[in-house]
Amino acid sequence: MEENPEIPQVGDKTRNYENLSDPGNGVTHGKDGDWVVTRVQQFFASDTEERIVVCYCSYQPVTSDWEVLQQSESVNQMLATVE
């Protein structure tokens, strides 16, 4: 089976995202989370190209610092340019 970069791989960590200066209003910072992918299973249907991906994770707490994310256009700005 071919590896797909869009599907989590064993060893991948989850990420946490927050807006540290204005909680609940967008995202400005990210950091590694406490969950690590330990197993990935994919289920395919015979009559479609769609699939279901199930990731099994283990809790492995880490101490990580918040990192400032690069800002780009907001979703509203991106949608306005499409219309």
PDB file of N, CA and C in Angstrom:
ATOM      1  N   MET A   1       0.839  -1.172   0.000  1.00  0.00           N
ATOM      2  CA  MET A   1       0.000   0.000   0.000  1.00  0.00           C
ATOM      3  C   MET A   1       0.894   1.248   0.000  1.00  0.00           C
ATOM      4  N   GLU A   2       0.567   2.192  -0.813  1.00  0.00           N
ATOM      5  CA  GLU A   2       1.311   3.432  -0.957  1.00  0.00           C
ATOM      6  C   GLU A   2       1.099   4.342   0.243  1.00  0.00           C
ATOM      7  N   GLU A   3       2.156   5.007   0.717  1.00  0.00           N
ATOM      8  CA  GLU A   3       1.999   5.962   1.811  1.00  0.00           C
ATOM      9  C   GLU A   3       1.423   7.261   1.265  1.00  0.00           C
ATOM     10  N   ASN A   4       0.543   7.874   2.037  1.00  0.00           N
ATOM     11  CA  ASN A   4      -0.104   9.113   1.635  1.00  0.00           C
ATOM     12  C   ASN A   4       0.244  10.176   2.668  1.00  0.00           C
ATOM     13  N   PRO A   5       0.867  11.287   2.263  1.00  0.00           N
ATOM     14  CA  PRO A   5       1.285  12.296   3.245  1.00  0.00           C
ATOM     15  C   PRO A   5       0.113  12.959   3.968  1.00  0.00           C
ATOM     16  N   GLU A   6      -1.115  12.821   3.442  1.00  0.00           N
ATOM     17  CA  GLU A   6      -2.272  13.416   4.096  1.00  0.00           C
ATOM     18  C   GLU A   6      -2.768  12.549   5.253  1.00  0.00           C
ATOM     19  N   ILE A   7      -2.352  11.307   5.297  1.00  0.00           N
ATOM     20  CA  ILE A   7      -2.777  10.378   6.337  1.00  0.00           C
ATOM     21  C   ILE A   7      -1.689  10.325   7.403  1.00  0.00           C
ATOM     22  N   PRO A   8      -2.078  10.447   8.684  1.00  0.00           N
ATOM     23  CA  PRO A   8      -1.062  10.367   9.741  1.00  0.00           C
ATOM     24  C   PRO A   8      -0.272   9.068   9.658  1.00  0.00           C
ATOM     25  N   GLN A   9       0.973   9.147  10.040  1.00  0.00           N
ATOM     26  CA  GLN A   9       1.868   7.993  10.037  1.00  0.00           C
ATOM     27  C   GLN A   9       2.240   7.647  11.473  1.00  0.00           C
ATOM     28  N   VAL A  10       2.612   6.392  11.703  1.00  0.00           N
ATOM     29  CA  VAL A  10       3.062   5.970  13.024  1.00  0.00           C
ATOM     30  C   VAL A  10       4.221   6.868  13.449  1.00  0.00           C
ATOM     31  N   GLY A  11       4.156   7.386  14.666  1.00  0.00           N
ATOM     32  CA  GLY A  11       5.191   8.281  15.186  1.00  0.00           C
ATOM     33  C   GLY A  11       4.806   9.755  15.099  1.00  0.00           C
ATOM     34  N   ASP A  12       3.787  10.091  14.281  1.00  0.00           N
ATOM     35  CA  ASP A  12       3.337  11.487  14.199  1.00  0.00           C
ATOM     36  C   ASP A  12       2.740  11.920  15.531  1.00  0.00           C
ATOM     37  N   LYS A  13       2.966  13.182  15.875  1.00  0.00           N
ATOM     38  CA  LYS A  13       2.382  13.765  17.089  1.00  0.00           C
ATOM     39  C   LYS A  13       1.199  14.636  16.704  1.00  0.00           C
ATOM     40  N   THR A  14       0.243  14.715  17.616  1.00  0.00           N
ATOM     41  CA  THR A  14      -0.850  15.660  17.413  1.00  0.00           C
ATOM     42  C   THR A  14      -0.308  17.058  17.674  1.00  0.00           C
ATOM     43  N   ARG A  15      -1.051  18.072  17.243  1.00  0.00           N
ATOM     44  CA  ARG A  15      -0.673  19.474  17.493  1.00  0.00           C
ATOM     45  C   ARG A  15      -1.810  20.154  18.239  1.00  0.00           C
ATOM     46  N   ASN A  16      -1.465  21.071  19.110  1.00  0.00           N
ATOM     47  CA  ASN A  16      -2.440  21.912  19.811  1.00  0.00           C
ATOM     48  C   ASN A  16      -2.324  23.317  19.251  1.00  0.00           C
ATOM     49  N   TYR A  17      -3.461  23.999  19.121  1.00  0.00           N
ATOM     50  CA  TYR A  17      -3.481  25.357  18.577  1.00  0.00           C
ATOM     51  C   TYR A  17      -4.299  26.262  19.482  1.00  0.00           C
ATOM     52  N   GLU A  18      -3.837  27.495  19.659  1.00  0.00           N
ATOM     53  CA  GLU A  18      -4.507  28.473  20.520  1.00  0.00           C
ATOM     54  C   GLU A  18      -4.248  29.880  20.015  1.00  0.00           C
ATOM     55  N   ASN A  19      -5.058  30.793  20.471  1.00  0.00           N
ATOM     56  CA  ASN A  19      -4.786  32.225  20.335  1.00  0.00           C
ATOM     57  C   ASN A  19      -4.481  32.680  21.749  1.00  0.00           C
ATOM     58  N   LEU A  20      -3.214  32.863  22.067  1.00  0.00           N
ATOM     59  CA  LEU A  20      -2.808  33.158  23.432  1.00  0.00           C
ATOM     60  C   LEU A  20      -3.233  34.547  23.902  1.00  0.00           C
ATOM     61  N   SER A  21      -3.333  35.508  22.984  1.00  0.00           N
ATOM     62  CA  SER A  21      -3.695  36.866  23.393  1.00  0.00           C
ATOM     63  C   SER A  21      -5.200  37.109  23.367  1.00  0.00           C
ATOM     64  N   ASP A  22      -5.945  36.330  22.587  1.00  0.00           N
ATOM     65  CA  ASP A  22      -7.395  36.533  22.473  1.00  0.00           C
ATOM     66  C   ASP A  22      -8.065  35.168  22.280  1.00  0.00           C
ATOM     67  N   PRO A  23      -8.157  34.351  23.357  1.00  0.00           N
ATOM     68  CA  PRO A  23      -8.704  32.995  23.243  1.00  0.00           C
ATOM     69  C   PRO A  23     -10.076  32.970  22.569  1.00  0.00           C
ATOM     70  N   GLY A  24     -10.262  31.994  21.707  1.00  0.00           N
ATOM     71  CA  GLY A  24     -11.526  31.826  21.024  1.00  0.00           C
ATOM     72  C   GLY A  24     -11.670  32.668  19.766  1.00  0.00           C
ATOM     73  N   ASN A  25     -10.642  33.436  19.428  1.00  0.00           N
ATOM     74  CA  ASN A  25     -10.711  34.307  18.256  1.00  0.00           C
ATOM     75  C   ASN A  25      -9.575  33.973  17.291  1.00  0.00           C
ATOM     76  N   GLY A  26      -9.704  32.856  16.609  1.00  0.00           N
ATOM     77  CA  GLY A  26      -8.669  32.462  15.659  1.00  0.00           C
ATOM     78  C   GLY A  26      -7.538  31.705  16.325  1.00  0.00           C
ATOM     79  N   VAL A  27      -6.480  31.494  15.572  1.00  0.00           N
ATOM     80  CA  VAL A  27      -5.329  30.724  16.041  1.00  0.00           C
ATOM     81  C   VAL A  27      -4.068  31.525  15.755  1.00  0.00           C
ATOM     82  N   THR A  28      -3.200  31.650  16.760  1.00  0.00           N
ATOM     83  CA  THR A  28      -1.945  32.375  16.576  1.00  0.00           C
ATOM     84  C   THR A  28      -0.716  31.538  16.946  1.00  0.00           C
ATOM     85  N   HIS A  29      -0.893  30.496  17.749  1.00  0.00           N
ATOM     86  CA  HIS A  29       0.232  29.707  18.235  1.00  0.00           C
ATOM     87  C   HIS A  29      -0.072  28.219  18.123  1.00  0.00           C
ATOM     88  N   GLY A  30       0.992  27.415  17.992  1.00  0.00           N
ATOM     89  CA  GLY A  30       0.855  25.967  17.959  1.00  0.00           C
ATOM     90  C   GLY A  30       1.975  25.317  18.738  1.00  0.00           C
ATOM     91  N   LYS A  31       1.745  24.089  19.192  1.00  0.00           N
ATOM     92  CA  LYS A  31       2.792  23.322  19.873  1.00  0.00           C
ATOM     93  C   LYS A  31       2.484  21.843  19.736  1.00  0.00           C
ATOM     94  N   ASP A  32       3.502  21.004  19.949  1.00  0.00           N
ATOM     95  CA  ASP A  32       3.301  19.562  19.910  1.00  0.00           C
ATOM     96  C   ASP A  32       2.334  19.151  21.004  1.00  0.00           C
ATOM     97  N   GLY A  33       1.472  18.192  20.679  1.00  0.00           N
ATOM     98  CA  GLY A  33       0.510  17.681  21.651  1.00  0.00           C
ATOM     99  C   GLY A  33       1.057  16.475  22.384  1.00  0.00           C
ATOM    100  N   ASP A  34       0.220  15.896  23.241  1.00  0.00           N
ATOM    101  CA  ASP A  34       0.620  14.779  24.095  1.00  0.00           C
ATOM    102  C   ASP A  34       0.267  13.405  23.526  1.00  0.00           C
ATOM    103  N   TRP A  35      -0.270  13.360  22.313  1.00  0.00           N
ATOM    104  CA  TRP A  35      -0.694  12.093  21.722  1.00  0.00           C
ATOM    105  C   TRP A  35       0.180  11.751  20.523  1.00  0.00           C
ATOM    106  N   VAL A  36       0.576  10.473  20.430  1.00  0.00           N
ATOM    107  CA  VAL A  36       1.432   9.987  19.349  1.00  0.00           C
ATOM    108  C   VAL A  36       0.717   8.840  18.639  1.00  0.00           C
ATOM    109  N   VAL A  37       0.709   8.872  17.306  1.00  0.00           N
ATOM    110  CA  VAL A  37       0.075   7.813  16.515  1.00  0.00           C
ATOM    111  C   VAL A  37       0.891   6.531  16.664  1.00  0.00           C
ATOM    112  N   THR A  38       0.221   5.446  17.052  1.00  0.00           N
ATOM    113  CA  THR A  38       0.900   4.160  17.236  1.00  0.00           C
ATOM    114  C   THR A  38       0.495   3.122  16.193  1.00  0.00           C
ATOM    115  N   ARG A  39      -0.663   3.321  15.566  1.00  0.00           N
ATOM    116  CA  ARG A  39      -1.129   2.377  14.540  1.00  0.00           C
ATOM    117  C   ARG A  39      -2.136   3.086  13.650  1.00  0.00           C
ATOM    118  N   VAL A  40      -2.120   2.769  12.359  1.00  0.00           N
ATOM    119  CA  VAL A  40      -3.055   3.359  11.403  1.00  0.00           C
ATOM    120  C   VAL A  40      -3.704   2.225  10.620  1.00  0.00           C
ATOM    121  N   GLN A  41      -5.038   2.244  10.553  1.00  0.00           N
ATOM    122  CA  GLN A  41      -5.769   1.266   9.757  1.00  0.00           C
ATOM    123  C   GLN A  41      -6.623   2.012   8.742  1.00  0.00           C
ATOM    124  N   GLN A  42      -6.687   1.474   7.532  1.00  0.00           N
ATOM    125  CA  GLN A  42      -7.502   2.068   6.481  1.00  0.00           C
ATOM    126  C   GLN A  42      -8.519   1.039   6.007  1.00  0.00           C
ATOM    127  N   PHE A  43      -9.730   1.515   5.789  1.00  0.00           N
ATOM    128  CA  PHE A  43     -10.806   0.668   5.301  1.00  0.00           C
ATOM    129  C   PHE A  43     -11.296   1.254   3.981  1.00  0.00           C
ATOM    130  N   PHE A  44     -11.327   0.439   2.949  1.00  0.00           N
ATOM    131  CA  PHE A  44     -11.717   0.871   1.611  1.00  0.00           C
ATOM    132  C   PHE A  44     -13.043   0.226   1.222  1.00  0.00           C
ATOM    133  N   ALA A  45     -13.857   0.956   0.482  1.00  0.00           N
ATOM    134  CA  ALA A  45     -15.081   0.401  -0.084  1.00  0.00           C
ATOM    135  C   ALA A  45     -14.766  -0.067  -1.497  1.00  0.00           C
ATOM    136  N   SER A  46     -15.403  -1.133  -1.935  1.00  0.00           N
ATOM    137  CA  SER A  46     -15.114  -1.671  -3.261  1.00  0.00           C
ATOM    138  C   SER A  46     -15.763  -0.859  -4.374  1.00  0.00           C
ATOM    139  N   ASP A  47     -16.775  -0.053  -4.044  1.00  0.00           N
ATOM    140  CA  ASP A  47     -17.502   0.673  -5.080  1.00  0.00           C
ATOM    141  C   ASP A  47     -17.211   2.178  -5.112  1.00  0.00           C
ATOM    142  N   THR A  48     -16.213   2.629  -4.364  1.00  0.00           N
ATOM    143  CA  THR A  48     -15.870   4.055  -4.332  1.00  0.00           C
ATOM    144  C   THR A  48     -14.397   4.208  -3.986  1.00  0.00           C
ATOM    145  N   GLU A  49     -13.850   5.389  -4.227  1.00  0.00           N
ATOM    146  CA  GLU A  49     -12.449   5.653  -3.872  1.00  0.00           C
ATOM    147  C   GLU A  49     -12.329   6.193  -2.451  1.00  0.00           C
ATOM    148  N   GLU A  50     -13.446   6.386  -1.784  1.00  0.00           N
ATOM    149  CA  GLU A  50     -13.404   6.907  -0.420  1.00  0.00           C
ATOM    150  C   GLU A  50     -12.921   5.833   0.542  1.00  0.00           C
ATOM    151  N   ARG A  51     -12.368   6.289   1.654  1.00  0.00           N
ATOM    152  CA  ARG A  51     -11.878   5.360   2.662  1.00  0.00           C
ATOM    153  C   ARG A  51     -12.066   5.952   4.042  1.00  0.00           C
ATOM    154  N   ILE A  52     -11.993   5.096   5.023  1.00  0.00           N
ATOM    155  CA  ILE A  52     -12.036   5.507   6.429  1.00  0.00           C
ATOM    156  C   ILE A  52     -10.669   5.190   7.005  1.00  0.00           C
ATOM    157  N   VAL A  53     -10.096   6.153   7.708  1.00  0.00           N
ATOM    158  CA  VAL A  53      -8.788   5.968   8.327  1.00  0.00           C
ATOM    159  C   VAL A  53      -8.960   6.060   9.835  1.00  0.00           C
ATOM    160  N   VAL A  54      -8.492   5.051  10.545  1.00  0.00           N
ATOM    161  CA  VAL A  54      -8.566   5.027  12.002  1.00  0.00           C
ATOM    162  C   VAL A  54      -7.142   5.071  12.537  1.00  0.00           C
ATOM    163  N   CYS A  55      -6.868   6.055  13.389  1.00  0.00           N
ATOM    164  CA  CYS A  55      -5.549   6.184  14.004  1.00  0.00           C
ATOM    165  C   CYS A  55      -5.644   5.822  15.478  1.00  0.00           C
ATOM    166  N   TYR A  56      -4.782   4.941  15.904  1.00  0.00           N
ATOM    167  CA  TYR A  56      -4.686   4.598  17.319  1.00  0.00           C
ATOM    168  C   TYR A  56      -3.539   5.421  17.885  1.00  0.00           C
ATOM    169  N   CYS A  57      -3.756   6.018  19.044  1.00  0.00           N
ATOM    170  CA  CYS A  57      -2.746   6.903  19.633  1.00  0.00           C
ATOM    171  C   CYS A  57      -2.467   6.498  21.067  1.00  0.00           C
ATOM    172  N   SER A  58      -1.271   6.830  21.532  1.00  0.00           N
ATOM    173  CA  SER A  58      -0.942   6.636  22.945  1.00  0.00           C
ATOM    174  C   SER A  58      -0.607   7.987  23.549  1.00  0.00           C
ATOM    175  N   TYR A  59      -0.954   8.119  24.811  1.00  0.00           N
ATOM    176  CA  TYR A  59      -0.722   9.365  25.536  1.00  0.00           C
ATOM    177  C   TYR A  59       0.723   9.382  26.009  1.00  0.00           C
ATOM    178  N   GLN A  60       1.513  10.319  25.482  1.00  0.00           N
ATOM    179  CA  GLN A  60       2.925  10.460  25.834  1.00  0.00           C
ATOM    180  C   GLN A  60       3.183  11.936  26.112  1.00  0.00           C
ATOM    181  N   PRO A  61       2.903  12.385  27.343  1.00  0.00           N
ATOM    182  CA  PRO A  61       3.022  13.814  27.662  1.00  0.00           C
ATOM    183  C   PRO A  61       4.405  14.364  27.343  1.00  0.00           C
ATOM    184  N   VAL A  62       4.406  15.564  26.777  1.00  0.00           N
ATOM    185  CA  VAL A  62       5.650  16.267  26.463  1.00  0.00           C
ATOM    186  C   VAL A  62       5.567  17.689  27.009  1.00  0.00           C
ATOM    187  N   THR A  63       6.711  18.268  27.219  1.00  0.00           N
ATOM    188  CA  THR A  63       6.769  19.675  27.565  1.00  0.00           C
ATOM    189  C   THR A  63       7.247  20.396  26.317  1.00  0.00           C
ATOM    190  N   SER A  64       6.364  21.209  25.749  1.00  0.00           N
ATOM    191  CA  SER A  64       6.749  21.942  24.549  1.00  0.00           C
ATOM    192  C   SER A  64       6.278  23.383  24.683  1.00  0.00           C
ATOM    193  N   ASP A  65       7.000  24.268  24.037  1.00  0.00           N
ATOM    194  CA  ASP A  65       6.674  25.685  24.081  1.00  0.00           C
ATOM    195  C   ASP A  65       5.757  26.054  22.929  1.00  0.00           C
ATOM    196  N   TRP A  66       4.921  27.059  23.153  1.00  0.00           N
ATOM    197  CA  TRP A  66       4.080  27.586  22.086  1.00  0.00           C
ATOM    198  C   TRP A  66       4.949  28.272  21.060  1.00  0.00           C
ATOM    199  N   GLU A  67       4.654  28.054  19.786  1.00  0.00           N
ATOM    200  CA  GLU A  67       5.366  28.694  18.680  1.00  0.00           C
ATOM    201  C   GLU A  67       4.402  29.612  17.951  1.00  0.00           C
ATOM    202  N   VAL A  68       4.879  30.800  17.598  1.00  0.00           N
ATOM    203  CA  VAL A  68       4.052  31.730  16.842  1.00  0.00           C
ATOM    204  C   VAL A  68       3.872  31.184  15.433  1.00  0.00           C
ATOM    205  N   LEU A  69       2.632  31.146  14.952  1.00  0.00           N
ATOM    206  CA  LEU A  69       2.349  30.666  13.609  1.00  0.00           C
ATOM    207  C   LEU A  69       2.430  31.815  12.628  1.00  0.00           C
ATOM    208  N   GLN A  70       2.818  31.519  11.413  1.00  0.00           N
ATOM    209  CA  GLN A  70       2.841  32.545  10.374  1.00  0.00           C
ATOM    210  C   GLN A  70       1.406  32.907  10.029  1.00  0.00           C
ATOM    211  N   GLN A  71       1.125  34.179   9.973  1.00  0.00           N
ATOM    212  CA  GLN A  71      -0.220  34.647   9.669  1.00  0.00           C
ATOM    213  C   GLN A  71      -0.436  34.694   8.164  1.00  0.00           C
ATOM    214  N   SER A  72      -1.621  34.298   7.757  1.00  0.00           N
ATOM    215  CA  SER A  72      -2.004  34.414   6.363  1.00  0.00           C
ATOM    216  C   SER A  72      -3.390  35.028   6.333  1.00  0.00           C
ATOM    217  N   GLU A  73      -3.987  35.066   5.181  1.00  0.00           N
ATOM    218  CA  GLU A  73      -5.319  35.645   5.062  1.00  0.00           C
ATOM    219  C   GLU A  73      -6.312  34.868   5.925  1.00  0.00           C
ATOM    220  N   SER A  74      -7.290  35.576   6.473  1.00  0.00           N
ATOM    221  CA  SER A  74      -8.336  34.908   7.234  1.00  0.00           C
ATOM    222  C   SER A  74      -9.238  34.151   6.263  1.00  0.00           C
ATOM    223  N   VAL A  75     -10.026  33.249   6.778  1.00  0.00           N
ATOM    224  CA  VAL A  75     -10.947  32.484   5.952  1.00  0.00           C
ATOM    225  C   VAL A  75     -11.894  33.433   5.224  1.00  0.00           C
ATOM    226  N   ASN A  76     -12.399  34.446   5.906  1.00  0.00           N
ATOM    227  CA  ASN A  76     -13.304  35.402   5.269  1.00  0.00           C
ATOM    228  C   ASN A  76     -12.624  36.128   4.107  1.00  0.00           C
ATOM    229  N   GLN A  77     -11.346  36.497   4.277  1.00  0.00           N
ATOM    230  CA  GLN A  77     -10.616  37.164   3.202  1.00  0.00           C
ATOM    231  C   GLN A  77     -10.423  36.235   2.011  1.00  0.00           C
ATOM    232  N   MET A  78     -10.109  34.959   2.271  1.00  0.00           N
ATOM    233  CA  MET A  78      -9.903  33.998   1.194  1.00  0.00           C
ATOM    234  C   MET A  78     -11.210  33.762   0.434  1.00  0.00           C
ATOM    235  N   LEU A  79     -12.318  33.639   1.157  1.00  0.00           N
ATOM    236  CA  LEU A  79     -13.599  33.412   0.499  1.00  0.00           C
ATOM    237  C   LEU A  79     -14.042  34.623  -0.307  1.00  0.00           C
ATOM    238  N   ALA A  80     -13.732  35.830   0.159  1.00  0.00           N
ATOM    239  CA  ALA A  80     -14.108  37.040  -0.571  1.00  0.00           C
ATOM    240  C   ALA A  80     -13.410  37.106  -1.924  1.00  0.00           C
ATOM    241  N   THR A  81     -12.188  36.610  -2.018  1.00  0.00           N
ATOM    242  CA  THR A  81     -11.454  36.654  -3.291  1.00  0.00           C
ATOM    243  C   THR A  81     -11.958  35.605  -4.261  1.00  0.00           C
ATOM    244  N   VAL A  82     -12.609  34.551  -3.753  1.00  0.00           N
ATOM    245  CA  VAL A  82     -13.141  33.483  -4.606  1.00  0.00           C
ATOM    246  C   VAL A  82     -14.448  33.931  -5.270  1.00  0.00           C
ATOM    247  N   GLU A  83     -15.246  34.709  -4.560  1.00  0.00           N
ATOM    248  CA  GLU A  83     -16.572  35.111  -5.062  1.00  0.00           C
ATOM    249  C   GLU A  83     -16.522  36.023  -6.213  1.00  0.00           C
TER     250      GLU A  83
END
